[in-house]
């Protein structure tokens, strides 16, 4: 795609590559002209001094099928990323490889890289037909507002009597399908996001993510590790931020701002909004964050939210990033068996992701933690290394109201029928249940390690991450597990 071919002044694919890489660092490996279809620019360069492999669909034929030479160049740069252990950023504007053989080669090369090096796909124009099937094989898909992706080429849909309007818009995939993790207005903005994303990721599955030096510099640590002085000051603002009622809605993003060193980078913000997935730094360490969102569905999980969280946890686990889970959930969204989305299967995927993870798992119970949803969200029972609770947290197999109704419904009905003060009896039973749901009982049972003030949480998490940086879990002797897809 030539400069400006995407309708803006951002330079299209070439502009994206220039904005992504450090100035003057691009070393081309192949520049294949389109010959009527998209050309391919393949090479490598640096992002903040770290090597990254790139390939981009370019030229006036962008948006059409790739020729054989272009496919071969794309396969070569993917193989280079595998041999050198470097992240791969692919810039898409094509409908497919043109042949079944080319499509198969691209699929095999993408699958071979999965879990080995981070793969970031960027859609600037079209990613239709076979190319739409390649996008989900990447770890993160970023798009511009003008991008589209559909398995059925819009022209083929029109020829078959369907709507001639372009299908698979960026807005659709950022929201309903969740295929796009982020949508930016243009190529340059997309490049800025990818640079920020790569700063949170290691170069490969055997490397560690970049860790910025603390303001006071490194002190070496007692074991020779690179740790700076830990900020132990309590965060009084976080204590004041939270509503007194654990069931009251609030935006969990405000909580994450206080737990992270300096903000966070959210993925899939417009999809399955009852759970937030993001990267943040705690004590300088890049950490994946899964947080239920009390402001949406009371933090309850539907099928889409379970699948979103499960995929993110597995992404973090593949590249050795700790996972922090903040839990304030009313449970699973009630759904009939056979309903669209299959909540049971998606919840099983979430359980599997946490139980399979070998990276440090830290969980903070910030509010309600009810039922099997709380168990699935990084509980002690599925492998969490550290579980903390705030005093406002409420734990239990069911919400207090539902538990009282189930356990004492008959007693309360008799009280009401006999003219006794049923409301006072109800409130007494509710208070008793709330007391049993307080986190102190969970500490005694070993389900929670400590109850601490919200303002002391960040320092506690930092200390835990320092301890767990050497966590080692021997893999089981098997080819691979059978994820409940």
Protein backbone atom coordinates (compact mmCIF):
# COMPACT_ATOMS: atom_id res chain seq x y z
CA UNK A 1 0.00 0.00 0.00
CA UNK A 2 1.48 3.32 -1.02
CA UNK A 3 1.56 6.29 1.33
CA UNK A 4 -1.89 7.69 1.93
CA UNK A 5 -3.61 4.79 0.14
CA UNK A 6 -5.71 4.14 3.22
CA UNK A 7 -7.35 7.52 2.91
CA UNK A 8 -5.29 9.39 5.46
CA UNK A 9 -2.04 11.22 5.85
CA UNK A 10 -0.63 8.53 8.08
CA UNK A 11 1.26 6.79 5.26
CA UNK A 12 -0.57 3.45 5.32
CA UNK A 13 1.55 0.32 5.87
CA UNK A 14 4.84 2.10 5.24
CA UNK A 15 3.80 4.87 7.62
CA UNK A 16 2.92 2.28 10.25
CA UNK A 17 6.33 0.61 9.96
CA UNK A 18 8.11 3.97 10.16
CA UNK A 19 6.12 4.95 13.26
CA UNK A 20 6.60 1.53 14.88
CA UNK A 21 10.36 1.13 14.54
CA UNK A 22 13.10 3.27 15.99
CA UNK A 23 14.35 5.77 13.44
CA UNK A 24 16.72 4.28 10.87
CA UNK A 25 16.54 0.77 12.31
CA UNK A 26 14.58 -0.95 9.52
CA UNK A 27 16.62 -3.61 7.71
CA UNK A 28 14.62 -4.97 4.74
CA UNK A 29 14.79 -8.69 4.04
CA UNK A 30 12.41 -8.75 1.10
CA UNK A 31 10.46 -6.19 -0.85
CA UNK A 32 8.13 -8.05 -3.18
CA UNK A 33 6.15 -5.92 -5.66
CA UNK A 34 2.48 -6.70 -5.89
CA UNK A 35 2.13 -7.43 -9.58
CA UNK A 36 -1.58 -6.68 -9.43
CA UNK A 37 -2.00 -7.79 -5.81
CA UNK A 38 -0.51 -6.63 -2.53
CA UNK A 39 3.24 -6.43 -2.26
CA UNK A 40 5.11 -7.43 0.88
CA UNK A 41 7.71 -5.52 2.84
CA UNK A 42 9.52 -7.91 5.21
CA UNK A 43 12.37 -7.07 7.52
CA UNK A 44 13.43 -6.33 11.07
CA UNK A 45 14.26 -3.32 13.20
CA UNK A 46 14.13 -2.17 16.80
CA UNK A 47 11.43 -0.85 19.12
CA UNK A 48 12.96 0.93 22.12
CA UNK A 49 16.22 -0.82 21.25
CA UNK A 50 14.72 -4.34 21.15
CA UNK A 51 14.71 -6.35 17.90
CA UNK A 52 11.34 -6.93 16.23
CA UNK A 53 10.46 -8.68 12.95
CA UNK A 54 7.91 -6.96 10.71
CA UNK A 55 6.03 -7.67 7.53
CA UNK A 56 3.50 -5.46 5.81
CA UNK A 57 1.21 -5.65 2.81
CA UNK A 58 2.00 -2.71 0.56
CA UNK A 59 1.45 -1.28 -2.89
CA UNK A 60 -1.52 -0.18 -5.00
CA UNK A 61 -2.86 -3.75 -5.10
CA UNK A 62 -3.33 -3.95 -1.33
CA UNK A 63 -6.63 -5.49 -0.39
CA UNK A 64 -6.44 -8.29 -2.98
CA UNK A 65 -4.98 -11.81 -2.77
CA UNK A 66 -1.23 -12.34 -2.22
CA UNK A 67 0.90 -13.83 -4.97
CA UNK A 68 3.22 -16.80 -4.47
CA UNK A 69 6.35 -14.65 -4.06
CA UNK A 70 4.64 -12.50 -1.43
CA UNK A 71 3.52 -15.57 0.50
CA UNK A 72 7.05 -17.00 0.39
CA UNK A 73 8.46 -13.73 1.78
CA UNK A 74 5.89 -13.75 4.58
CA UNK A 75 6.76 -17.33 5.52
CA UNK A 76 10.49 -16.47 5.52
CA UNK A 77 10.10 -13.61 8.00
CA UNK A 78 7.94 -15.76 10.26
CA UNK A 79 10.69 -18.41 10.22
CA UNK A 80 13.25 -15.72 11.05
CA UNK A 81 11.19 -14.64 14.07
CA UNK A 82 11.12 -18.26 15.26
CA UNK A 83 14.87 -18.80 14.83
CA UNK A 84 15.88 -15.54 16.51
CA UNK A 85 13.20 -15.42 19.22
CA UNK A 86 11.92 -11.98 18.19
CA UNK A 87 8.34 -10.64 18.35
CA UNK A 88 6.53 -10.53 15.02
CA UNK A 89 4.31 -7.65 13.92
CA UNK A 90 2.26 -8.28 10.77
CA UNK A 91 0.41 -5.51 8.92
CA UNK A 92 -2.56 -6.87 7.01
CA UNK A 93 -4.36 -5.53 3.95
CA UNK A 94 -5.19 -8.56 1.82
CA UNK A 95 -8.01 -11.03 1.19
CA UNK A 96 -5.87 -14.15 1.29
CA UNK A 97 -2.84 -15.94 -0.10
CA UNK A 98 -4.56 -16.88 -3.34
CA UNK A 99 -3.86 -20.64 -3.16
CA UNK A 100 -4.60 -23.41 -0.68
CA UNK A 101 -0.89 -24.22 -0.48
CA UNK A 102 -0.02 -20.62 0.41
CA UNK A 103 -2.79 -20.48 3.00
CA UNK A 104 -1.61 -23.72 4.60
CA UNK A 105 1.99 -22.48 4.78
CA UNK A 106 0.92 -19.28 6.51
CA UNK A 107 -1.25 -21.16 9.01
CA UNK A 108 1.52 -23.61 9.89
CA UNK A 109 4.06 -20.82 10.34
CA UNK A 110 1.69 -18.86 12.59
CA UNK A 111 0.88 -21.91 14.71
CA UNK A 112 4.58 -22.77 15.02
CA UNK A 113 5.18 -19.31 16.50
CA UNK A 114 2.27 -19.49 18.95
CA UNK A 115 3.53 -19.32 22.52
CA UNK A 116 7.13 -18.94 21.29
CA UNK A 117 7.25 -15.25 20.35
CA UNK A 118 4.53 -12.60 20.73
CA UNK A 119 2.54 -12.16 17.51
CA UNK A 120 0.77 -8.85 16.95
CA UNK A 121 -1.46 -8.47 13.90
CA UNK A 122 -2.44 -5.02 12.67
CA UNK A 123 -5.30 -4.54 10.20
CA UNK A 124 -5.12 -1.32 8.21
CA UNK A 125 -7.50 -2.21 5.39
CA UNK A 126 -9.01 -5.56 4.49
CA UNK A 127 -8.39 -8.92 6.12
CA UNK A 128 -11.01 -10.97 4.34
CA UNK A 129 -11.45 -14.57 3.24
CA UNK A 130 -8.52 -16.80 4.35
CA UNK A 131 -6.75 -13.80 5.87
CA UNK A 132 -9.63 -13.46 8.38
CA UNK A 133 -8.78 -16.94 9.64
CA UNK A 134 -5.15 -15.97 10.24
CA UNK A 135 -5.98 -13.04 12.54
CA UNK A 136 -7.18 -15.11 15.55
CA UNK A 137 -3.88 -17.04 15.43
CA UNK A 138 -2.08 -13.87 16.57
CA UNK A 139 -1.88 -13.01 20.27
CA UNK A 140 -3.22 -9.47 19.85
CA UNK A 141 -5.06 -7.92 16.90
CA UNK A 142 -5.01 -4.13 16.50
CA UNK A 143 -6.97 -2.29 13.81
CA UNK A 144 -7.61 1.14 12.44
CA UNK A 145 -11.12 2.56 12.32
CA UNK A 146 -11.32 1.93 8.56
CA UNK A 147 -10.31 -1.74 8.82
CA UNK A 148 -12.58 -4.65 8.05
CA UNK A 149 -12.41 -8.42 8.31
CA UNK A 150 -14.86 -11.06 7.17
CA UNK A 151 -14.53 -14.72 6.28
CA UNK A 152 -16.84 -14.18 3.32
CA UNK A 153 -15.47 -11.57 0.92
CA UNK A 154 -18.04 -8.71 0.67
CA UNK A 155 -18.00 -9.07 -3.10
CA UNK A 156 -18.86 -12.75 -2.85
CA UNK A 157 -21.69 -11.95 -0.42
CA UNK A 158 -23.13 -9.44 -2.88
CA UNK A 159 -22.80 -11.92 -5.76
CA UNK A 160 -24.72 -14.49 -3.72
CA UNK A 161 -27.59 -12.05 -3.24
CA UNK A 162 -26.57 -10.76 0.18
CA UNK A 163 -26.05 -7.18 1.28
CA UNK A 164 -23.42 -5.36 -0.78
CA UNK A 165 -22.41 -3.27 2.25
CA UNK A 166 -18.92 -3.97 3.66
CA UNK A 167 -19.09 -6.57 6.43
CA UNK A 168 -16.93 -7.10 9.48
CA UNK A 169 -16.27 -3.49 10.45
CA UNK A 170 -13.74 -2.50 13.10
CA UNK A 171 -16.55 -1.45 15.43
CA UNK A 172 -18.17 -4.90 15.11
CA UNK A 173 -14.96 -6.76 15.91
CA UNK A 174 -14.00 -4.45 18.77
CA UNK A 175 -17.40 -5.00 20.36
CA UNK A 176 -19.54 -8.00 19.49
CA UNK A 177 -16.96 -10.51 18.31
CA UNK A 178 -14.00 -9.30 20.39
CA UNK A 179 -11.64 -10.15 17.55
CA UNK A 180 -9.92 -6.75 17.66
CA UNK A 181 -8.22 -5.95 20.96
CA UNK A 182 -7.86 -2.28 20.09
CA UNK A 183 -9.10 0.11 17.40
CA UNK A 184 -7.09 3.26 16.70
CA UNK A 185 -8.01 6.13 14.37
CA UNK A 186 -5.08 5.65 11.96
CA UNK A 187 -1.88 3.74 11.29
CA UNK A 188 0.39 6.03 13.27
CA UNK A 189 -1.83 5.79 16.37
CA UNK A 190 -1.94 2.00 15.95
CA UNK A 191 1.86 1.94 15.83
CA UNK A 192 2.03 3.93 19.06
CA UNK A 193 -0.23 1.41 20.77
CA UNK A 194 1.83 -1.54 19.51
CA UNK A 195 5.04 0.09 20.80
CA UNK A 196 3.42 0.42 24.22
CA UNK A 197 2.17 -3.18 24.08
CA UNK A 198 5.59 -4.59 23.16
CA UNK A 199 7.10 -2.76 26.14
CA UNK A 200 5.02 -5.06 28.38
CA UNK A 201 5.99 -8.29 26.61
CA UNK A 202 9.18 -10.38 26.56
CA UNK A 203 10.83 -11.04 23.22
CA UNK A 204 10.03 -14.74 23.52
CA UNK A 205 8.84 -17.41 25.94
CA UNK A 206 12.31 -17.85 27.46
CA UNK A 207 12.99 -14.14 28.00
CA UNK A 208 11.71 -11.72 30.63
CA UNK A 209 9.69 -8.60 29.97
CA UNK A 210 11.49 -5.25 30.11
CA UNK A 211 11.56 -3.72 33.57
CA UNK A 212 12.20 0.03 33.87
CA UNK A 213 14.72 1.08 36.49
CA UNK A 214 13.09 2.50 39.65
CA UNK A 215 13.54 6.22 40.36
CA UNK A 216 16.19 5.49 43.01
CA UNK A 217 18.02 2.96 40.82
CA UNK A 218 18.67 -0.70 41.54
CA UNK A 219 19.88 -1.74 44.98
CA UNK A 220 20.84 -5.31 44.09
CA UNK A 221 18.48 -6.92 46.61
CA UNK A 222 19.39 -9.50 49.23
CA UNK A 223 19.72 -12.25 46.61
CA UNK A 224 21.41 -10.20 43.93
CA UNK A 225 18.13 -9.50 42.13
CA UNK A 226 17.38 -6.14 40.61
CA UNK A 227 15.02 -4.49 43.07
CA UNK A 228 14.68 -0.90 44.13
CA UNK A 229 13.42 0.54 47.39
CA UNK A 230 9.81 -0.46 47.96
CA UNK A 231 7.20 2.24 48.55
CA UNK A 232 5.43 1.13 51.73
CA UNK A 233 3.33 4.28 52.19
CA UNK A 234 -0.40 3.46 52.45
CA UNK A 235 -2.64 4.77 49.69
CA UNK A 236 -5.35 6.64 51.60
CA UNK A 237 -6.98 7.79 48.35
CA UNK A 238 -7.83 4.20 47.43
CA UNK A 239 -9.50 3.63 50.80
CA UNK A 240 -11.64 6.72 50.24
CA UNK A 241 -12.48 5.76 46.66
CA UNK A 242 -14.50 2.63 47.47
CA UNK A 243 -18.20 2.66 48.40
CA UNK A 244 -19.04 1.31 51.86
CA UNK A 245 -21.57 -1.16 50.44
CA UNK A 246 -19.76 -4.09 48.79
CA UNK A 247 -22.69 -4.46 46.39
CA UNK A 248 -22.53 -0.84 45.21
CA UNK A 249 -21.27 -0.40 41.63
CA UNK A 250 -17.97 1.37 40.99
CA UNK A 251 -15.48 1.46 38.12
CA UNK A 252 -12.70 -1.04 38.75
CA UNK A 253 -10.41 0.94 36.44
CA UNK A 254 -10.07 3.56 39.17
CA UNK A 255 -8.92 0.81 41.54
CA UNK A 256 -6.38 -0.49 39.02
CA UNK A 257 -4.92 3.01 38.64
CA UNK A 258 -3.98 2.85 42.33
CA UNK A 259 -2.62 -0.71 42.25
CA UNK A 260 -0.39 -0.13 39.22
CA UNK A 261 2.84 1.83 39.13
CA UNK A 262 1.75 4.17 36.39
CA UNK A 263 -1.54 3.39 34.69
CA UNK A 264 -2.39 0.30 32.65
CA UNK A 265 -2.84 -0.78 29.04
CA UNK A 266 -6.29 -2.26 28.47
CA UNK A 267 -7.16 -4.79 25.78
CA UNK A 268 -10.67 -5.57 24.49
CA UNK A 269 -12.21 -2.65 26.39
CA UNK A 270 -15.37 -2.68 24.25
CA UNK A 271 -15.94 -6.42 24.40
CA UNK A 272 -17.40 -8.36 27.35
CA UNK A 273 -17.23 -5.27 29.56
CA UNK A 274 -18.00 -7.08 32.83
CA UNK A 275 -14.33 -8.08 32.97
CA UNK A 276 -11.29 -5.89 32.35
CA UNK A 277 -8.08 -7.34 30.88
CA UNK A 278 -4.96 -5.19 30.87
CA UNK A 279 -1.22 -5.00 31.30
CA UNK A 280 0.21 -2.99 34.18
CA UNK A 281 3.47 -2.69 36.06
CA UNK A 282 3.72 -3.42 39.76
CA UNK A 283 7.13 -2.76 41.29
CA UNK A 284 8.28 -2.31 37.70
CA UNK A 285 7.25 -5.85 36.71
CA UNK A 286 4.93 -6.26 33.75
CA UNK A 287 1.81 -8.02 35.03
CA UNK A 288 -1.37 -9.21 33.38
CA UNK A 289 -4.52 -8.00 35.12
CA UNK A 290 -7.95 -9.64 35.08
CA UNK A 291 -10.53 -7.61 37.01
CA UNK A 292 -14.27 -8.07 37.20
CA UNK A 293 -16.14 -4.83 36.63
CA UNK A 294 -18.79 -4.07 39.30
CA UNK A 295 -20.14 -1.25 37.14
CA UNK A 296 -21.29 -3.76 34.48
CA UNK A 297 -23.66 -6.62 35.37
CA UNK A 298 -22.42 -6.37 38.97
CA UNK A 299 -19.22 -8.01 37.76
CA UNK A 300 -21.11 -11.15 36.73
CA UNK A 301 -19.52 -13.31 34.04
CA UNK A 302 -21.25 -14.33 30.83
CA UNK A 303 -19.79 -16.63 28.19
CA UNK A 304 -17.97 -13.83 26.38
CA UNK A 305 -16.39 -12.54 29.60
CA UNK A 306 -15.19 -16.03 30.56
CA UNK A 307 -13.64 -16.60 27.14
CA UNK A 308 -12.01 -13.15 27.16
CA UNK A 309 -10.43 -13.71 30.58
CA UNK A 310 -9.37 -17.28 29.78
CA UNK A 311 -7.55 -16.33 26.59
CA UNK A 312 -5.79 -13.47 28.35
CA UNK A 313 -4.63 -15.67 31.23
CA UNK A 314 -3.23 -18.22 28.77
CA UNK A 315 -1.48 -15.41 26.85
CA UNK A 316 0.22 -14.23 30.04
CA UNK A 317 1.12 -17.78 31.04
CA UNK A 318 2.66 -18.49 27.63
CA UNK A 319 5.10 -15.61 28.07
CA UNK A 320 5.83 -15.86 31.77
CA UNK A 321 3.89 -12.81 32.93
CA UNK A 322 2.35 -12.87 36.44
CA UNK A 323 -1.43 -12.55 36.63
CA UNK A 324 -3.19 -10.33 39.14
CA UNK A 325 -6.91 -11.02 39.51
CA UNK A 326 -9.23 -8.54 41.21
CA UNK A 327 -12.52 -10.20 42.15
CA UNK A 328 -15.82 -8.45 42.81
CA UNK A 329 -18.47 -10.57 41.15
CA UNK A 330 -22.07 -11.54 41.71
CA UNK A 331 -21.33 -14.88 40.01
CA UNK A 332 -22.19 -16.20 36.58
CA UNK A 333 -24.94 -14.53 34.56
CA UNK A 334 -27.99 -16.83 34.71
CA UNK A 335 -28.27 -18.60 31.35
CA UNK A 336 -30.27 -21.58 30.20
CA UNK A 337 -28.36 -24.59 28.93
CA UNK A 338 -28.25 -24.37 25.16
CA UNK A 339 -28.37 -20.56 25.17
CA UNK A 340 -26.12 -18.71 22.73
CA UNK A 341 -22.51 -18.65 23.87
CA UNK A 342 -22.55 -21.83 26.01
CA UNK A 343 -21.67 -20.35 29.39
CA UNK A 344 -20.80 -23.75 30.87
CA UNK A 345 -18.12 -24.44 28.24
CA UNK A 346 -16.71 -20.91 28.52
CA UNK A 347 -16.58 -21.13 32.32
CA UNK A 348 -14.74 -24.44 32.00
CA UNK A 349 -12.19 -22.72 29.73
CA UNK A 350 -11.65 -20.09 32.42
CA UNK A 351 -11.13 -22.73 35.10
CA UNK A 352 -8.72 -24.59 32.84
CA UNK A 353 -6.69 -21.46 32.09
CA UNK A 354 -6.08 -20.66 35.75
CA UNK A 355 -5.51 -24.26 36.80
CA UNK A 356 -3.00 -24.78 33.97
CA UNK A 357 -1.05 -21.57 34.58
CA UNK A 358 2.45 -21.90 35.99
CA UNK A 359 3.20 -18.18 36.36
CA UNK A 360 2.77 -16.30 39.67
CA UNK A 361 -0.95 -15.92 40.41
CA UNK A 362 -2.04 -13.19 42.82
CA UNK A 363 -5.70 -12.61 43.68
CA UNK A 364 -7.34 -9.77 45.56
CA UNK A 365 -10.95 -10.15 46.73
CA UNK A 366 -12.16 -6.55 46.61
CA UNK A 367 -15.91 -7.06 47.11
CA UNK A 368 -18.30 -9.92 46.47
CA UNK A 369 -16.80 -13.33 45.75
CA UNK A 370 -19.78 -15.62 45.36
CA UNK A 371 -20.19 -19.10 43.98
CA UNK A 372 -18.21 -21.02 41.37
CA UNK A 373 -17.37 -17.82 39.48
CA UNK A 374 -15.20 -16.69 42.40
CA UNK A 375 -13.55 -20.11 42.45
CA UNK A 376 -12.78 -19.88 38.73
CA UNK A 377 -11.25 -16.42 39.04
CA UNK A 378 -7.84 -17.35 40.37
CA UNK A 379 -8.89 -18.73 43.75
CA UNK A 380 -6.63 -20.70 46.08
CA UNK A 381 -8.39 -23.86 44.90
CA UNK A 382 -7.28 -23.44 41.26
CA UNK A 383 -3.68 -22.57 42.07
CA UNK A 384 -3.35 -18.98 43.30
CA UNK A 385 -0.06 -18.37 45.11
CA UNK A 386 -1.29 -15.39 47.12
CA UNK A 387 -4.90 -14.54 47.96
CA UNK A 388 -5.67 -11.27 49.73
CA UNK A 389 -9.00 -9.82 50.80
CA UNK A 390 -10.17 -6.36 51.68
CA UNK A 391 -12.35 -5.92 54.80
CA UNK A 392 -15.33 -5.10 52.56
CA UNK A 393 -15.08 -8.45 50.76
CA UNK A 394 -17.89 -10.94 51.16
CA UNK A 395 -17.31 -14.61 50.39
CA UNK A 396 -19.75 -17.43 50.09
CA UNK A 397 -21.31 -20.13 47.99
CA UNK A 398 -24.22 -17.76 47.33
CA UNK A 399 -25.06 -14.12 47.91
CA UNK A 400 -26.20 -13.40 51.46
CA UNK A 401 -29.79 -12.64 50.45
CA UNK A 402 -30.10 -15.84 48.43
CA UNK A 403 -28.45 -17.85 51.20
CA UNK A 404 -30.86 -16.53 53.83
CA UNK A 405 -33.83 -17.18 51.59
CA UNK A 406 -32.71 -20.77 50.97
CA UNK A 407 -31.77 -21.58 54.57
CA UNK A 408 -34.47 -19.69 56.46
CA UNK A 409 -37.26 -19.12 53.97
CA UNK A 410 -39.73 -21.40 55.72
CA UNK A 411 -38.95 -19.91 59.13
CA UNK A 412 -39.49 -16.38 57.81
CA UNK A 413 -42.73 -17.36 56.09
CA UNK A 414 -44.09 -18.82 59.35
CA UNK A 415 -43.08 -15.64 61.19
CA UNK A 416 -44.91 -13.50 58.66
CA UNK A 417 -48.03 -15.69 58.79
CA UNK A 418 -48.14 -15.62 62.60
CA UNK A 419 -47.92 -11.85 62.76
CA UNK A 420 -44.45 -11.71 64.31
CA UNK A 421 -41.97 -9.09 63.15
CA UNK A 422 -40.77 -10.95 60.07
CA UNK A 423 -38.73 -8.00 58.84
CA UNK A 424 -36.67 -7.84 62.04
CA UNK A 425 -36.12 -11.59 61.89
CA UNK A 426 -35.05 -11.28 58.25
CA UNK A 427 -32.55 -8.52 59.06
CA UNK A 428 -31.15 -10.56 61.95
CA UNK A 429 -30.61 -13.61 59.76
CA UNK A 430 -29.10 -11.41 57.05
CA UNK A 431 -26.67 -9.86 59.52
CA UNK A 432 -25.66 -13.34 60.69
CA UNK A 433 -25.02 -14.44 57.11
CA UNK A 434 -23.03 -11.28 56.35
CA UNK A 435 -20.86 -11.99 59.39
CA UNK A 436 -20.19 -15.51 58.18
CA UNK A 437 -19.36 -14.13 54.71
CA UNK A 438 -16.71 -11.73 56.08
CA UNK A 439 -13.17 -12.66 54.98
CA UNK A 440 -11.93 -13.52 58.48
CA UNK A 441 -13.51 -16.96 58.29
CA UNK A 442 -11.79 -17.59 54.94
CA UNK A 443 -8.42 -16.74 56.52
CA UNK A 444 -9.05 -19.34 59.22
CA UNK A 445 -9.96 -21.90 56.56
CA UNK A 446 -6.80 -21.15 54.53
CA UNK A 447 -8.69 -19.83 51.52
CA UNK A 448 -7.34 -16.30 52.08
CA UNK A 449 -3.83 -15.41 53.24
CA UNK A 450 -4.52 -12.02 54.77
CA UNK A 451 -7.14 -9.31 55.18
CA UNK A 452 -5.62 -5.91 54.64
CA UNK A 453 -6.68 -2.35 53.93
CA UNK A 454 -6.99 -1.43 50.24
CA UNK A 455 -4.32 1.21 50.67
CA UNK A 456 -1.75 -1.38 51.77
CA UNK A 457 -2.40 -3.74 48.88
CA UNK A 458 0.05 -2.42 46.30
CA UNK A 459 3.07 -2.80 48.60
CA UNK A 460 1.95 -6.32 49.58
CA UNK A 461 1.61 -7.30 45.90
CA UNK A 462 5.07 -5.91 45.15
CA UNK A 463 6.61 -7.99 47.93
CA UNK A 464 4.78 -11.09 46.70
CA UNK A 465 6.02 -10.57 43.14
CA UNK A 466 9.59 -10.29 44.40
CA UNK A 467 9.22 -13.62 46.17
CA UNK A 468 7.45 -15.35 43.27
CA UNK A 469 9.82 -14.23 40.51
CA UNK A 470 11.65 -17.55 40.98
CA UNK A 471 8.48 -19.66 40.99
CA UNK A 472 9.04 -22.96 39.18
CA UNK A 473 6.40 -25.51 38.25
CA UNK A 474 7.68 -28.65 36.47
CA UNK A 475 5.48 -29.34 33.44
CA UNK A 476 3.57 -32.63 33.41
CA UNK A 477 4.79 -35.38 31.11
CA UNK A 478 2.31 -35.04 28.27
CA UNK A 479 2.11 -33.73 24.71
CA UNK A 480 -0.45 -31.06 25.64
CA UNK A 481 -3.68 -30.71 27.55
CA UNK A 482 -7.11 -30.90 25.95
CA UNK A 483 -8.56 -27.44 26.51
CA UNK A 484 -12.39 -27.53 26.70
CA UNK A 485 -12.85 -25.47 23.52
